[in-house]
Amino acid sequence: MPMTAPIPYIIQEQKFWLTAERGIYWEKESALIVSDLHFGKTGHFRKNGIGVPHAVYKEDLQRMVDLISFFNPKKLIAVGDLFHSADNLELQLFSKIRAGFSKMSLILVQGNHDVLEKAWYQKNHIELVKDNYCSGDFHFVHDPSEIPRESSAFYFSGHLHPSISISGMGKQNLNFPCYYFTDKSAILPAFSKFSGTAKVKKSKTNRIFAIVENSLIEIEK
């Protein structure tokens, strides 16, 4: 399925592009920002006797390839949980795809699930950052609780897998992954579709963009 057109979002006078494919493109830095990809998670579940289809992982991986091919970024910034557990066959497939984008730098802000050996990251040319990756006035952390209350910088994070509940016909409430913005921070949706979510609410001090099928919808109230 072709990508839908991304929408612009201005942060501190810089242009970012939000996509329905669960990634943000930073125009000035030619950087693709993603979070909570949890690559290898479905393989981990199958290894433990839970029959999660391999197609779930392949769809996530293909979506990442599509985003990289569309934007052609110089670097990819993952704000945590790029991987889910120990090395498995699914991560070997990731390694092959990583080799195909060898000119693109890959920066990983280590999340709680990023537990692979350091040698594995080095072999796959992944720059591992333990707590906070900084580029100008923009910072990248995994857990939003790590964002200092008093800071002039803008923070990108993940970890929470934010989602918003939308009321439909017949008073049905449907839950959708979303981007969650305040004036000083952004929480990205989980890139992996095989992830739980944490509900957030619209207020006067935030902006929320729900991912509904292949579209982005800003929540007004």
N, C-alpha and C. Protein backbone atom coordinates (compact mmCIF):
# COMPACT_ATOMS: atom_id res chain seq x y z
N MET A 1 0.84 -1.20 0.00
CA MET A 1 0.00 0.00 0.00
C MET A 1 0.88 1.25 0.00
N PRO A 2 0.64 2.22 -0.91
CA PRO A 2 1.49 3.42 -0.96
C PRO A 2 1.33 4.28 0.28
N MET A 3 2.39 5.02 0.60
CA MET A 3 2.35 5.91 1.75
C MET A 3 1.38 7.06 1.50
N THR A 4 0.67 7.45 2.54
CA THR A 4 -0.16 8.65 2.44
C THR A 4 0.72 9.88 2.66
N ALA A 5 0.27 11.02 2.18
CA ALA A 5 1.08 12.23 2.27
C ALA A 5 1.30 12.63 3.73
N PRO A 6 2.55 12.88 4.13
CA PRO A 6 2.79 13.35 5.50
C PRO A 6 2.29 14.77 5.68
N ILE A 7 2.11 15.18 6.94
CA ILE A 7 1.64 16.54 7.21
C ILE A 7 2.71 17.31 7.98
N PRO A 8 2.87 18.61 7.71
CA PRO A 8 3.93 19.39 8.37
C PRO A 8 3.55 19.75 9.79
N TYR A 9 4.59 19.85 10.63
CA TYR A 9 4.40 20.26 12.01
C TYR A 9 5.62 21.10 12.40
N ILE A 10 5.40 22.33 12.83
CA ILE A 10 6.50 23.24 13.14
C ILE A 10 6.83 23.19 14.63
N ILE A 11 8.10 22.95 14.93
CA ILE A 11 8.59 22.96 16.30
C ILE A 11 9.80 23.87 16.36
N GLN A 12 9.72 24.90 17.17
CA GLN A 12 10.82 25.85 17.33
C GLN A 12 11.36 26.30 15.97
N GLU A 13 10.46 26.68 15.10
CA GLU A 13 10.74 27.22 13.78
C GLU A 13 11.40 26.23 12.83
N GLN A 14 11.33 24.97 13.16
CA GLN A 14 11.84 23.93 12.27
C GLN A 14 10.69 23.04 11.83
N LYS A 15 10.80 22.55 10.59
CA LYS A 15 9.71 21.76 10.01
C LYS A 15 9.95 20.27 10.20
N PHE A 16 8.94 19.62 10.75
CA PHE A 16 8.91 18.17 10.89
C PHE A 16 7.71 17.66 10.09
N TRP A 17 7.78 16.42 9.67
CA TRP A 17 6.69 15.82 8.91
C TRP A 17 6.17 14.59 9.65
N LEU A 18 4.88 14.61 9.98
CA LEU A 18 4.25 13.49 10.66
C LEU A 18 3.69 12.52 9.63
N THR A 19 3.88 11.25 9.85
CA THR A 19 3.37 10.25 8.90
C THR A 19 2.40 9.29 9.59
N ALA A 20 1.49 8.77 8.79
CA ALA A 20 0.57 7.75 9.29
C ALA A 20 1.28 6.43 9.49
N GLU A 21 2.53 6.34 9.02
CA GLU A 21 3.33 5.12 9.18
C GLU A 21 4.12 5.11 10.49
N ARG A 22 3.80 6.04 11.39
CA ARG A 22 4.33 6.05 12.76
C ARG A 22 5.79 6.50 12.84
N GLY A 23 6.16 7.43 12.03
CA GLY A 23 7.48 8.01 12.08
C GLY A 23 7.41 9.50 11.77
N ILE A 24 8.38 10.28 12.28
CA ILE A 24 8.47 11.72 12.05
C ILE A 24 9.76 12.01 11.30
N TYR A 25 9.66 12.82 10.26
CA TYR A 25 10.84 13.22 9.50
C TYR A 25 11.22 14.65 9.87
N TRP A 26 12.48 14.83 10.27
CA TRP A 26 13.03 16.13 10.64
C TRP A 26 13.76 16.69 9.42
N GLU A 27 13.15 17.68 8.81
CA GLU A 27 13.63 18.15 7.51
C GLU A 27 15.04 18.71 7.55
N LYS A 28 15.33 19.60 8.50
CA LYS A 28 16.63 20.27 8.54
C LYS A 28 17.77 19.28 8.71
N GLU A 29 17.58 18.29 9.55
CA GLU A 29 18.64 17.33 9.85
C GLU A 29 18.58 16.08 8.98
N SER A 30 17.60 16.01 8.09
CA SER A 30 17.40 14.81 7.27
C SER A 30 17.42 13.56 8.15
N ALA A 31 16.57 13.60 9.19
CA ALA A 31 16.53 12.52 10.17
C ALA A 31 15.13 11.96 10.30
N LEU A 32 15.03 10.66 10.34
CA LEU A 32 13.77 9.97 10.58
C LEU A 32 13.73 9.56 12.05
N ILE A 33 12.66 9.92 12.76
CA ILE A 33 12.53 9.65 14.19
C ILE A 33 11.44 8.60 14.40
N VAL A 34 11.77 7.53 15.11
CA VAL A 34 10.82 6.46 15.39
C VAL A 34 11.00 6.00 16.84
N SER A 35 10.06 5.22 17.31
CA SER A 35 10.14 4.73 18.70
C SER A 35 9.44 3.38 18.83
N ASP A 36 9.95 2.58 19.74
CA ASP A 36 9.28 1.34 20.15
C ASP A 36 8.94 0.44 18.96
N LEU A 37 9.98 0.09 18.21
CA LEU A 37 9.80 -0.81 17.08
C LEU A 37 9.69 -2.26 17.53
N HIS A 38 10.35 -2.60 18.63
CA HIS A 38 10.27 -3.94 19.24
C HIS A 38 10.55 -5.04 18.21
N PHE A 39 11.53 -4.83 17.36
CA PHE A 39 11.88 -5.86 16.39
C PHE A 39 12.34 -7.12 17.12
N GLY A 40 11.87 -8.25 16.66
CA GLY A 40 12.18 -9.53 17.29
C GLY A 40 11.15 -9.98 18.31
N LYS A 41 10.15 -9.13 18.58
CA LYS A 41 9.17 -9.47 19.61
C LYS A 41 8.31 -10.66 19.21
N THR A 42 7.85 -10.69 17.96
CA THR A 42 7.00 -11.81 17.54
C THR A 42 7.78 -13.11 17.55
N GLY A 43 9.07 -13.05 17.16
CA GLY A 43 9.91 -14.25 17.23
C GLY A 43 10.12 -14.71 18.66
N HIS A 44 10.25 -13.77 19.57
CA HIS A 44 10.40 -14.09 20.99
C HIS A 44 9.16 -14.80 21.51
N PHE A 45 7.97 -14.34 21.11
CA PHE A 45 6.73 -14.98 21.54
C PHE A 45 6.60 -16.38 20.96
N ARG A 46 6.94 -16.52 19.67
CA ARG A 46 6.85 -17.85 19.06
C ARG A 46 7.81 -18.82 19.73
N LYS A 47 8.99 -18.34 20.08
CA LYS A 47 9.98 -19.18 20.75
C LYS A 47 9.45 -19.68 22.09
N ASN A 48 8.55 -18.90 22.69
CA ASN A 48 7.98 -19.27 23.99
C ASN A 48 6.58 -19.89 23.85
N GLY A 49 6.29 -20.38 22.64
CA GLY A 49 5.08 -21.17 22.44
C GLY A 49 3.82 -20.41 22.13
N ILE A 50 3.94 -19.09 21.85
CA ILE A 50 2.77 -18.29 21.53
C ILE A 50 2.79 -18.02 20.03
N GLY A 51 1.78 -18.48 19.32
CA GLY A 51 1.79 -18.49 17.86
C GLY A 51 1.47 -17.16 17.22
N VAL A 52 2.37 -16.20 17.33
CA VAL A 52 2.20 -14.92 16.66
C VAL A 52 2.71 -15.02 15.23
N PRO A 53 1.93 -14.67 14.23
CA PRO A 53 2.36 -14.83 12.84
C PRO A 53 3.61 -14.02 12.52
N HIS A 54 4.52 -14.61 11.76
CA HIS A 54 5.73 -13.92 11.33
C HIS A 54 5.40 -12.71 10.46
N ALA A 55 4.24 -12.73 9.81
CA ALA A 55 3.83 -11.63 8.94
C ALA A 55 3.71 -10.31 9.70
N VAL A 56 3.42 -10.37 10.99
CA VAL A 56 3.30 -9.15 11.80
C VAL A 56 4.63 -8.41 11.82
N TYR A 57 5.70 -9.15 12.02
CA TYR A 57 7.04 -8.55 12.04
C TYR A 57 7.42 -8.04 10.66
N LYS A 58 7.13 -8.81 9.62
CA LYS A 58 7.50 -8.43 8.27
C LYS A 58 6.79 -7.15 7.85
N GLU A 59 5.55 -6.97 8.31
CA GLU A 59 4.81 -5.75 7.98
C GLU A 59 5.46 -4.53 8.63
N ASP A 60 5.86 -4.66 9.90
CA ASP A 60 6.55 -3.56 10.58
C ASP A 60 7.86 -3.23 9.87
N LEU A 61 8.61 -4.26 9.53
CA LEU A 61 9.90 -4.07 8.88
C LEU A 61 9.73 -3.41 7.52
N GLN A 62 8.72 -3.84 6.77
CA GLN A 62 8.47 -3.25 5.45
C GLN A 62 8.08 -1.78 5.58
N ARG A 63 7.33 -1.46 6.61
CA ARG A 63 6.93 -0.06 6.81
C ARG A 63 8.14 0.81 7.09
N MET A 64 9.10 0.29 7.84
CA MET A 64 10.32 1.04 8.08
C MET A 64 11.10 1.24 6.78
N VAL A 65 11.19 0.18 5.97
CA VAL A 65 11.88 0.29 4.68
C VAL A 65 11.19 1.32 3.80
N ASP A 66 9.86 1.33 3.80
CA ASP A 66 9.11 2.29 2.99
C ASP A 66 9.40 3.72 3.43
N LEU A 67 9.45 3.96 4.74
CA LEU A 67 9.74 5.31 5.24
C LEU A 67 11.14 5.75 4.85
N ILE A 68 12.11 4.86 5.00
CA ILE A 68 13.49 5.20 4.65
C ILE A 68 13.60 5.47 3.15
N SER A 69 12.95 4.66 2.36
CA SER A 69 12.99 4.83 0.91
C SER A 69 12.32 6.13 0.49
N PHE A 70 11.25 6.51 1.18
CA PHE A 70 10.50 7.72 0.83
C PHE A 70 11.29 8.99 1.16
N PHE A 71 11.85 9.05 2.37
CA PHE A 71 12.52 10.27 2.82
C PHE A 71 14.02 10.27 2.52
N ASN A 72 14.61 9.10 2.36
CA ASN A 72 16.05 8.98 2.13
C ASN A 72 16.84 9.75 3.20
N PRO A 73 16.61 9.47 4.48
CA PRO A 73 17.26 10.24 5.54
C PRO A 73 18.75 9.93 5.67
N LYS A 74 19.48 10.92 6.19
CA LYS A 74 20.89 10.69 6.48
C LYS A 74 21.07 9.89 7.77
N LYS A 75 20.08 10.02 8.66
CA LYS A 75 20.16 9.25 9.90
C LYS A 75 18.78 8.87 10.39
N LEU A 76 18.74 7.80 11.13
CA LEU A 76 17.53 7.33 11.78
C LEU A 76 17.76 7.39 13.28
N ILE A 77 16.85 8.06 14.00
CA ILE A 77 16.94 8.17 15.45
C ILE A 77 15.82 7.35 16.06
N ALA A 78 16.17 6.32 16.80
CA ALA A 78 15.18 5.48 17.49
C ALA A 78 15.21 5.83 18.97
N VAL A 79 14.07 6.33 19.49
CA VAL A 79 14.05 6.73 20.90
C VAL A 79 13.62 5.56 21.79
N GLY A 80 14.35 4.47 21.67
CA GLY A 80 14.18 3.35 22.57
C GLY A 80 13.40 2.18 22.03
N ASP A 81 13.76 1.01 22.54
CA ASP A 81 13.11 -0.26 22.22
C ASP A 81 13.07 -0.52 20.72
N LEU A 82 14.22 -0.35 20.11
CA LEU A 82 14.36 -0.75 18.70
C LEU A 82 14.21 -2.26 18.60
N PHE A 83 14.71 -2.95 19.60
CA PHE A 83 14.59 -4.41 19.66
C PHE A 83 13.82 -4.81 20.91
N HIS A 84 13.50 -6.09 21.02
CA HIS A 84 12.65 -6.51 22.13
C HIS A 84 13.34 -7.44 23.12
N SER A 85 14.25 -8.27 22.63
CA SER A 85 14.84 -9.26 23.53
C SER A 85 16.16 -9.74 22.94
N ALA A 86 16.51 -10.99 23.21
CA ALA A 86 17.76 -11.56 22.72
C ALA A 86 17.71 -11.78 21.21
N ASP A 87 18.88 -12.01 20.63
CA ASP A 87 19.00 -12.23 19.19
C ASP A 87 18.18 -13.45 18.77
N ASN A 88 17.49 -13.33 17.63
CA ASN A 88 16.75 -14.45 17.07
C ASN A 88 16.73 -14.31 15.55
N LEU A 89 16.03 -15.20 14.87
CA LEU A 89 16.04 -15.21 13.42
C LEU A 89 15.48 -13.91 12.83
N GLU A 90 14.54 -13.30 13.51
CA GLU A 90 13.97 -12.05 13.02
C GLU A 90 15.02 -10.94 13.00
N LEU A 91 15.90 -10.92 13.97
CA LEU A 91 16.93 -9.89 14.00
C LEU A 91 17.97 -10.12 12.92
N GLN A 92 18.15 -11.37 12.51
CA GLN A 92 19.04 -11.63 11.38
C GLN A 92 18.49 -11.01 10.10
N LEU A 93 17.18 -11.02 9.95
CA LEU A 93 16.55 -10.37 8.80
C LEU A 93 16.75 -8.86 8.88
N PHE A 94 16.63 -8.31 10.09
CA PHE A 94 16.89 -6.88 10.28
C PHE A 94 18.32 -6.55 9.86
N SER A 95 19.27 -7.38 10.22
CA SER A 95 20.67 -7.13 9.89
C SER A 95 20.88 -7.04 8.38
N LYS A 96 20.19 -7.89 7.63
CA LYS A 96 20.31 -7.86 6.17
C LYS A 96 19.77 -6.54 5.61
N ILE A 97 18.65 -6.09 6.15
CA ILE A 97 18.06 -4.84 5.68
C ILE A 97 18.92 -3.65 6.11
N ARG A 98 19.47 -3.71 7.31
CA ARG A 98 20.37 -2.64 7.77
C ARG A 98 21.56 -2.50 6.83
N ALA A 99 22.09 -3.60 6.37
CA ALA A 99 23.23 -3.58 5.45
C ALA A 99 22.87 -2.87 4.15
N GLY A 100 21.61 -2.93 3.77
CA GLY A 100 21.16 -2.26 2.55
C GLY A 100 21.07 -0.76 2.67
N PHE A 101 21.08 -0.26 3.91
CA PHE A 101 21.05 1.19 4.16
C PHE A 101 22.30 1.59 4.95
N SER A 102 23.43 1.08 4.53
CA SER A 102 24.67 1.25 5.29
C SER A 102 25.14 2.70 5.36
N LYS A 103 24.75 3.55 4.39
CA LYS A 103 25.17 4.95 4.40
C LYS A 103 24.37 5.78 5.39
N MET A 104 23.26 5.27 5.85
CA MET A 104 22.42 5.97 6.83
C MET A 104 22.92 5.64 8.24
N SER A 105 23.20 6.66 9.04
CA SER A 105 23.58 6.40 10.42
C SER A 105 22.34 6.03 11.23
N LEU A 106 22.53 5.19 12.23
CA LEU A 106 21.42 4.73 13.05
C LEU A 106 21.78 4.97 14.51
N ILE A 107 21.01 5.83 15.16
CA ILE A 107 21.24 6.19 16.56
C ILE A 107 20.13 5.62 17.40
N LEU A 108 20.49 4.86 18.40
CA LEU A 108 19.51 4.24 19.29
C LEU A 108 19.68 4.75 20.71
N VAL A 109 18.65 5.45 21.21
CA VAL A 109 18.60 5.80 22.63
C VAL A 109 18.10 4.55 23.35
N GLN A 110 18.93 3.97 24.16
CA GLN A 110 18.65 2.65 24.72
C GLN A 110 17.38 2.64 25.57
N GLY A 111 16.47 1.72 25.21
CA GLY A 111 15.25 1.53 25.98
C GLY A 111 15.36 0.33 26.89
N ASN A 112 14.33 0.07 27.67
CA ASN A 112 14.36 -1.02 28.64
C ASN A 112 14.40 -2.39 27.98
N HIS A 113 14.00 -2.48 26.70
CA HIS A 113 14.04 -3.77 26.01
C HIS A 113 15.29 -3.95 25.14
N ASP A 114 16.12 -2.93 25.05
CA ASP A 114 17.33 -3.03 24.22
C ASP A 114 18.44 -3.68 25.03
N VAL A 115 18.45 -5.02 25.04
CA VAL A 115 19.33 -5.77 25.93
C VAL A 115 20.34 -6.63 25.17
N LEU A 116 20.52 -6.38 23.89
CA LEU A 116 21.48 -7.16 23.12
C LEU A 116 22.91 -6.81 23.54
N GLU A 117 23.84 -7.70 23.21
CA GLU A 117 25.24 -7.45 23.52
C GLU A 117 25.74 -6.24 22.72
N LYS A 118 26.66 -5.47 23.31
CA LYS A 118 27.19 -4.29 22.64
C LYS A 118 27.82 -4.64 21.30
N ALA A 119 28.40 -5.81 21.23
CA ALA A 119 29.04 -6.24 19.98
C ALA A 119 28.02 -6.37 18.85
N TRP A 120 26.78 -6.73 19.19
CA TRP A 120 25.74 -6.87 18.16
C TRP A 120 25.40 -5.51 17.56
N TYR A 121 25.28 -4.49 18.42
CA TYR A 121 25.01 -3.14 17.93
C TYR A 121 26.16 -2.65 17.06
N GLN A 122 27.37 -2.91 17.50
CA GLN A 122 28.54 -2.47 16.74
C GLN A 122 28.59 -3.15 15.37
N LYS A 123 28.31 -4.44 15.35
CA LYS A 123 28.34 -5.19 14.09
C LYS A 123 27.32 -4.63 13.09
N ASN A 124 26.21 -4.11 13.60
CA ASN A 124 25.16 -3.58 12.74
C ASN A 124 25.22 -2.06 12.61
N HIS A 125 26.34 -1.49 13.03
CA HIS A 125 26.59 -0.06 12.88
C HIS A 125 25.48 0.78 13.50
N ILE A 126 25.20 0.46 14.75
CA ILE A 126 24.20 1.18 15.53
C ILE A 126 24.92 1.93 16.65
N GLU A 127 24.75 3.26 16.67
CA GLU A 127 25.32 4.06 17.75
C GLU A 127 24.38 4.00 18.95
N LEU A 128 24.86 3.42 20.02
CA LEU A 128 24.03 3.23 21.21
C LEU A 128 24.26 4.37 22.20
N VAL A 129 23.18 5.08 22.53
CA VAL A 129 23.23 6.19 23.49
C VAL A 129 22.44 5.76 24.72
N LYS A 130 23.05 5.87 25.87
CA LYS A 130 22.42 5.29 27.07
C LYS A 130 21.22 6.08 27.58
N ASP A 131 21.33 7.40 27.68
CA ASP A 131 20.26 8.16 28.33
C ASP A 131 19.62 9.22 27.45
N ASN A 132 20.42 10.10 26.91
CA ASN A 132 19.88 11.29 26.24
C ASN A 132 20.73 11.62 25.02
N TYR A 133 20.12 11.58 23.85
CA TYR A 133 20.80 12.02 22.63
C TYR A 133 20.40 13.46 22.36
N CYS A 134 21.37 14.31 22.08
CA CYS A 134 21.11 15.73 21.90
C CYS A 134 21.58 16.18 20.53
N SER A 135 20.74 16.97 19.86
CA SER A 135 21.11 17.59 18.59
C SER A 135 20.56 19.01 18.60
N GLY A 136 21.43 19.98 18.88
CA GLY A 136 20.99 21.36 19.02
C GLY A 136 20.06 21.52 20.21
N ASP A 137 18.92 22.15 19.98
CA ASP A 137 17.94 22.35 21.05
C ASP A 137 16.94 21.20 21.18
N PHE A 138 17.22 20.09 20.49
CA PHE A 138 16.32 18.95 20.53
C PHE A 138 17.00 17.78 21.24
N HIS A 139 16.25 17.18 22.17
CA HIS A 139 16.76 16.05 22.93
C HIS A 139 15.87 14.83 22.68
N PHE A 140 16.48 13.67 22.84
CA PHE A 140 15.78 12.41 22.57
C PHE A 140 16.02 11.46 23.74
N VAL A 141 14.95 11.07 24.41
CA VAL A 141 15.02 10.13 25.54
C VAL A 141 13.98 9.04 25.30
N HIS A 142 14.12 7.93 25.99
CA HIS A 142 13.14 6.87 25.81
C HIS A 142 11.87 7.13 26.61
N ASP A 143 12.03 7.37 27.89
CA ASP A 143 10.90 7.49 28.82
C ASP A 143 10.58 8.96 29.06
N PRO A 144 9.35 9.40 28.81
CA PRO A 144 9.01 10.81 29.04
C PRO A 144 9.16 11.26 30.49
N SER A 145 9.16 10.32 31.42
CA SER A 145 9.36 10.70 32.82
C SER A 145 10.78 11.21 33.08
N GLU A 146 11.68 10.98 32.12
CA GLU A 146 13.06 11.45 32.25
C GLU A 146 13.23 12.89 31.77
N ILE A 147 12.17 13.49 31.25
CA ILE A 147 12.25 14.87 30.76
C ILE A 147 12.26 15.83 31.94
N PRO A 148 13.27 16.69 32.08
CA PRO A 148 13.29 17.64 33.20
C PRO A 148 12.16 18.66 33.08
N ARG A 149 11.62 19.04 34.21
CA ARG A 149 10.49 19.98 34.20
C ARG A 149 10.91 21.36 33.71
N GLU A 150 12.08 21.79 34.08
CA GLU A 150 12.57 23.11 33.68
C GLU A 150 13.64 22.93 32.62
N SER A 151 13.26 23.14 31.38
CA SER A 151 14.21 23.03 30.28
C SER A 151 13.70 23.83 29.09
N SER A 152 14.63 24.48 28.39
CA SER A 152 14.26 25.23 27.19
C SER A 152 14.32 24.36 25.94
N ALA A 153 14.81 23.14 26.10
CA ALA A 153 14.94 22.22 24.97
C ALA A 153 13.61 21.54 24.67
N PHE A 154 13.50 21.01 23.47
CA PHE A 154 12.32 20.21 23.10
C PHE A 154 12.73 18.75 23.15
N TYR A 155 11.86 17.90 23.73
CA TYR A 155 12.18 16.49 23.93
C TYR A 155 11.27 15.59 23.10
N PHE A 156 11.87 14.61 22.45
CA PHE A 156 11.15 13.52 21.81
C PHE A 156 11.31 12.27 22.67
N SER A 157 10.22 11.51 22.83
CA SER A 157 10.30 10.28 23.62
C SER A 157 9.29 9.26 23.09
N GLY A 158 9.28 8.11 23.72
CA GLY A 158 8.35 7.05 23.35
C GLY A 158 7.88 6.33 24.60
N HIS A 159 8.07 5.03 24.63
CA HIS A 159 7.86 4.18 25.81
C HIS A 159 6.40 3.96 26.19
N LEU A 160 5.57 5.00 26.14
CA LEU A 160 4.20 4.88 26.63
C LEU A 160 3.24 4.24 25.61
N HIS A 161 3.60 4.25 24.33
CA HIS A 161 2.69 3.76 23.28
C HIS A 161 1.35 4.49 23.36
N PRO A 162 1.33 5.82 23.22
CA PRO A 162 0.09 6.58 23.43
C PRO A 162 -1.01 6.23 22.43
N SER A 163 -2.24 6.31 22.89
CA SER A 163 -3.41 6.09 22.04
C SER A 163 -4.53 6.99 22.52
N ILE A 164 -5.49 7.23 21.62
CA ILE A 164 -6.61 8.11 21.94
C ILE A 164 -7.91 7.37 21.62
N SER A 165 -8.89 7.55 22.46
CA SER A 165 -10.19 6.93 22.26
C SER A 165 -11.11 7.91 21.53
N ILE A 166 -11.72 7.44 20.42
CA ILE A 166 -12.60 8.27 19.61
C ILE A 166 -13.98 7.63 19.59
N SER A 167 -15.00 8.45 19.83
CA SER A 167 -16.38 7.95 19.84
C SER A 167 -16.92 7.87 18.42
N GLY A 168 -17.52 6.74 18.09
CA GLY A 168 -18.11 6.56 16.77
C GLY A 168 -19.62 6.47 16.86
N MET A 169 -20.21 5.98 15.80
CA MET A 169 -21.65 5.82 15.78
C MET A 169 -22.07 4.75 16.78
N GLY A 170 -23.26 4.92 17.34
CA GLY A 170 -23.75 3.97 18.31
C GLY A 170 -23.00 4.02 19.62
N LYS A 171 -22.37 5.19 19.91
CA LYS A 171 -21.64 5.42 21.16
C LYS A 171 -20.50 4.41 21.35
N GLN A 172 -19.97 3.90 20.25
CA GLN A 172 -18.83 3.01 20.34
C GLN A 172 -17.55 3.83 20.48
N ASN A 173 -16.63 3.36 21.31
CA ASN A 173 -15.33 4.00 21.47
C ASN A 173 -14.27 3.14 20.81
N LEU A 174 -13.54 3.73 19.88
CA LEU A 174 -12.48 3.03 19.19
C LEU A 174 -11.15 3.65 19.60
N ASN A 175 -10.14 2.80 19.75
CA ASN A 175 -8.84 3.23 20.25
C ASN A 175 -7.83 3.26 19.10
N PHE A 176 -7.08 4.37 18.98
CA PHE A 176 -6.13 4.52 17.89
C PHE A 176 -4.78 5.02 18.42
N PRO A 177 -3.69 4.50 17.90
CA PRO A 177 -2.37 5.05 18.27
C PRO A 177 -2.28 6.51 17.85
N CYS A 178 -1.43 7.27 18.53
CA CYS A 178 -1.39 8.70 18.24
C CYS A 178 -0.04 9.32 18.57
N TYR A 179 0.17 10.50 18.00
CA TYR A 179 1.26 11.38 18.40
C TYR A 179 0.71 12.32 19.46
N TYR A 180 1.51 12.56 20.49
CA TYR A 180 1.07 13.41 21.61
C TYR A 180 2.08 14.55 21.77
N PHE A 181 1.63 15.79 21.55
CA PHE A 181 2.52 16.95 21.61
C PHE A 181 2.11 17.90 22.72
N THR A 182 3.14 18.43 23.41
CA THR A 182 2.97 19.61 24.25
C THR A 182 3.89 20.68 23.65
N ASP A 183 3.96 21.84 24.30
CA ASP A 183 4.84 22.88 23.75
C ASP A 183 6.31 22.55 23.92
N LYS A 184 6.64 21.54 24.74
CA LYS A 184 8.03 21.21 25.00
C LYS A 184 8.39 19.75 24.73
N SER A 185 7.43 18.97 24.28
CA SER A 185 7.75 17.54 24.10
C SER A 185 6.82 16.87 23.10
N ALA A 186 7.27 15.73 22.63
CA ALA A 186 6.47 14.87 21.76
C ALA A 186 6.66 13.44 22.17
N ILE A 187 5.56 12.72 22.31
CA ILE A 187 5.61 11.28 22.57
C ILE A 187 5.15 10.58 21.30
N LEU A 188 6.00 9.72 20.76
CA LEU A 188 5.69 9.03 19.52
C LEU A 188 4.86 7.79 19.76
N PRO A 189 4.03 7.41 18.80
CA PRO A 189 3.31 6.13 18.91
C PRO A 189 4.30 4.98 18.76
N ALA A 190 3.95 3.84 19.28
CA ALA A 190 4.78 2.66 19.07
C ALA A 190 4.79 2.33 17.58
N PHE A 191 5.98 2.14 17.02
CA PHE A 191 6.07 1.78 15.61
C PHE A 191 5.52 0.38 15.39
N SER A 192 5.77 -0.50 16.33
CA SER A 192 5.27 -1.87 16.23
C SER A 192 3.76 -1.90 16.44
N LYS A 193 3.06 -2.57 15.53
CA LYS A 193 1.62 -2.73 15.69
C LYS A 193 1.29 -3.84 16.69
N PHE A 194 2.30 -4.62 17.06
CA PHE A 194 2.12 -5.69 18.04
C PHE A 194 2.53 -5.18 19.42
N SER A 195 1.81 -4.15 19.88
CA SER A 195 2.13 -3.51 21.16
C SER A 195 0.86 -3.04 21.84
N GLY A 196 0.87 -3.06 23.15
CA GLY A 196 -0.22 -2.48 23.91
C GLY A 196 -0.13 -0.96 23.84
N THR A 197 -1.15 -0.29 24.36
CA THR A 197 -1.17 1.17 24.33
C THR A 197 -1.57 1.73 25.68
N ALA A 198 -1.24 3.02 25.87
CA ALA A 198 -1.66 3.75 27.07
C ALA A 198 -2.51 4.93 26.61
N LYS A 199 -3.72 5.05 27.14
CA LYS A 199 -4.64 6.09 26.68
C LYS A 199 -4.22 7.47 27.18
N VAL A 200 -4.33 8.44 26.27
CA VAL A 200 -4.09 9.84 26.62
C VAL A 200 -5.36 10.61 26.30
N LYS A 201 -5.44 11.84 26.81
CA LYS A 201 -6.64 12.65 26.61
C LYS A 201 -6.26 14.02 26.04
N LYS A 202 -7.18 14.57 25.25
CA LYS A 202 -6.99 15.90 24.70
C LYS A 202 -7.25 16.94 25.78
N SER A 203 -6.40 17.98 25.80
CA SER A 203 -6.60 19.10 26.72
C SER A 203 -6.25 20.39 25.98
N LYS A 204 -6.35 21.50 26.67
CA LYS A 204 -6.04 22.79 26.05
C LYS A 204 -4.55 22.96 25.85
N THR A 205 -3.74 22.16 26.52
CA THR A 205 -2.29 22.35 26.48
C THR A 205 -1.57 21.31 25.63
N ASN A 206 -2.30 20.48 24.90
CA ASN A 206 -1.63 19.50 24.06
C ASN A 206 -2.28 19.43 22.68
N ARG A 207 -1.58 18.79 21.76
CA ARG A 207 -2.13 18.49 20.44
C ARG A 207 -1.94 17.00 20.20
N ILE A 208 -2.97 16.38 19.67
CA ILE A 208 -2.95 14.94 19.45
C ILE A 208 -3.34 14.64 18.01
N PHE A 209 -2.55 13.79 17.37
CA PHE A 209 -2.84 13.35 16.01
C PHE A 209 -3.04 11.84 16.03
N ALA A 210 -4.26 11.41 15.79
CA ALA A 210 -4.58 9.98 15.79
C ALA A 210 -4.24 9.37 14.44
N ILE A 211 -3.79 8.13 14.47
CA ILE A 211 -3.50 7.37 13.26
C ILE A 211 -4.69 6.44 13.02
N VAL A 212 -5.50 6.81 12.06
CA VAL A 212 -6.73 6.06 11.76
C VAL A 212 -6.56 5.42 10.39
N GLU A 213 -6.40 4.11 10.39
CA GLU A 213 -6.10 3.36 9.18
C GLU A 213 -4.84 3.96 8.55
N ASN A 214 -4.95 4.59 7.39
CA ASN A 214 -3.77 5.16 6.74
C ASN A 214 -3.81 6.68 6.70
N SER A 215 -4.47 7.27 7.70
CA SER A 215 -4.61 8.72 7.73
C SER A 215 -4.27 9.27 9.11
N LEU A 216 -3.92 10.56 9.13
CA LEU A 216 -3.70 11.27 10.39
C LEU A 216 -4.85 12.24 10.61
N ILE A 217 -5.41 12.21 11.81
CA ILE A 217 -6.53 13.08 12.16
C ILE A 217 -6.18 13.83 13.44
N GLU A 218 -6.18 15.16 13.37
CA GLU A 218 -5.93 15.91 14.60
C GLU A 218 -7.20 15.93 15.44
N ILE A 219 -7.05 15.63 16.71
CA ILE A 219 -8.16 15.61 17.65
C ILE A 219 -8.39 17.02 18.17
N GLU A 220 -9.57 17.56 17.93
CA GLU A 220 -9.85 18.95 18.28
C GLU A 220 -10.40 19.10 19.70
N LYS A 221 -11.09 18.08 20.21
CA LYS A 221 -11.64 18.20 21.56
C LYS A 221 -11.84 16.84 22.17
